[in-house]
Amino acid sequence: MKVRYRVHRFDIDMTKDQSKLEQFLNNLEGEVVAIIPSVNPKFTPGGMGAKVNFLLIVEKSE
């Protein structure tokens, strides 16, 4: 039995894309193994912060 993995890139705006992410995850056929965010530093009025540019979603499919 061979296990296969697919990696999906999901561009996201963390403040308004929650429902799009939920819909994407619910439409996957396999099992979600990991969600890896791409995080970059960002200057904010209160000091340093962080921004998530996209997510890598690892799906296990058979």
Protein backbone atom coordinates (compact mmCIF):
# COMPACT_ATOMS: atom_id res chain seq x y z
CA MET A 1 0.00 0.00 0.00
CA LYS A 2 1.46 3.30 -1.09
CA VAL A 3 0.61 6.43 0.87
CA ARG A 4 0.49 9.62 -1.19
CA TYR A 5 0.59 13.18 -0.01
CA ARG A 6 -0.57 16.33 -1.77
CA VAL A 7 0.54 19.82 -0.77
CA HIS A 8 -1.89 22.66 -1.45
CA ARG A 9 -1.02 26.36 -1.29
CA PHE A 10 -3.85 28.49 0.13
CA ASP A 11 -3.42 32.28 -0.10
CA ILE A 12 -5.14 33.85 2.88
CA ASP A 13 -5.99 37.12 4.59
CA MET A 14 -6.34 36.01 8.20
CA THR A 15 -8.86 38.74 9.02
CA LYS A 16 -11.49 37.78 6.43
CA ASP A 17 -10.87 34.37 4.82
CA GLN A 18 -12.00 32.03 7.60
CA SER A 19 -15.08 30.79 5.71
CA LYS A 20 -13.05 30.22 2.50
CA LEU A 21 -10.50 28.16 4.45
CA GLU A 22 -13.28 26.16 6.13
CA GLN A 23 -14.91 25.42 2.78
CA PHE A 24 -11.56 24.41 1.24
CA LEU A 25 -10.76 22.02 4.11
CA ASN A 26 -14.24 20.45 4.02
CA ASN A 27 -13.92 19.80 0.27
CA LEU A 28 -10.67 17.85 0.60
CA GLU A 29 -11.05 14.12 0.02
CA GLY A 30 -8.10 12.93 2.13
CA GLU A 31 -6.94 13.49 5.69
CA VAL A 32 -5.28 16.79 6.62
CA VAL A 33 -1.87 15.94 8.08
CA ALA A 34 -0.45 19.44 8.62
CA ILE A 35 -1.15 23.12 8.07
CA ILE A 36 2.04 25.17 7.76
CA PRO A 37 1.79 28.98 7.75
CA SER A 38 4.23 31.24 5.92
CA VAL A 39 4.78 34.05 8.44
CA ASN A 40 6.67 37.29 7.76
CA PRO A 41 7.53 40.09 10.19
CA LYS A 42 5.48 43.28 9.88
CA PHE A 43 5.79 46.72 11.43
CA THR A 44 2.65 47.87 13.25
CA PRO A 45 1.88 51.07 15.19
CA GLY A 46 2.39 49.14 18.44
CA GLY A 47 5.72 47.65 17.40
CA MET A 48 6.61 44.44 15.61
CA GLY A 49 3.94 42.01 14.47
CA ALA A 50 3.54 39.17 12.01
CA LYS A 51 1.54 38.54 8.83
CA VAL A 52 0.51 35.17 7.42
CA ASN A 53 0.86 35.28 3.62
CA PHE A 54 -0.30 31.78 2.76
CA LEU A 55 -0.80 28.30 4.19
CA LEU A 56 0.65 25.03 2.97
CA ILE A 57 -1.88 22.27 3.60
CA VAL A 58 -0.59 18.69 3.52
CA GLU A 59 -3.26 16.15 2.57
CA LYS A 60 -2.83 12.39 2.91
CA SER A 61 -4.66 10.49 0.18
CA GLU A 62 -4.79 6.81 -0.65
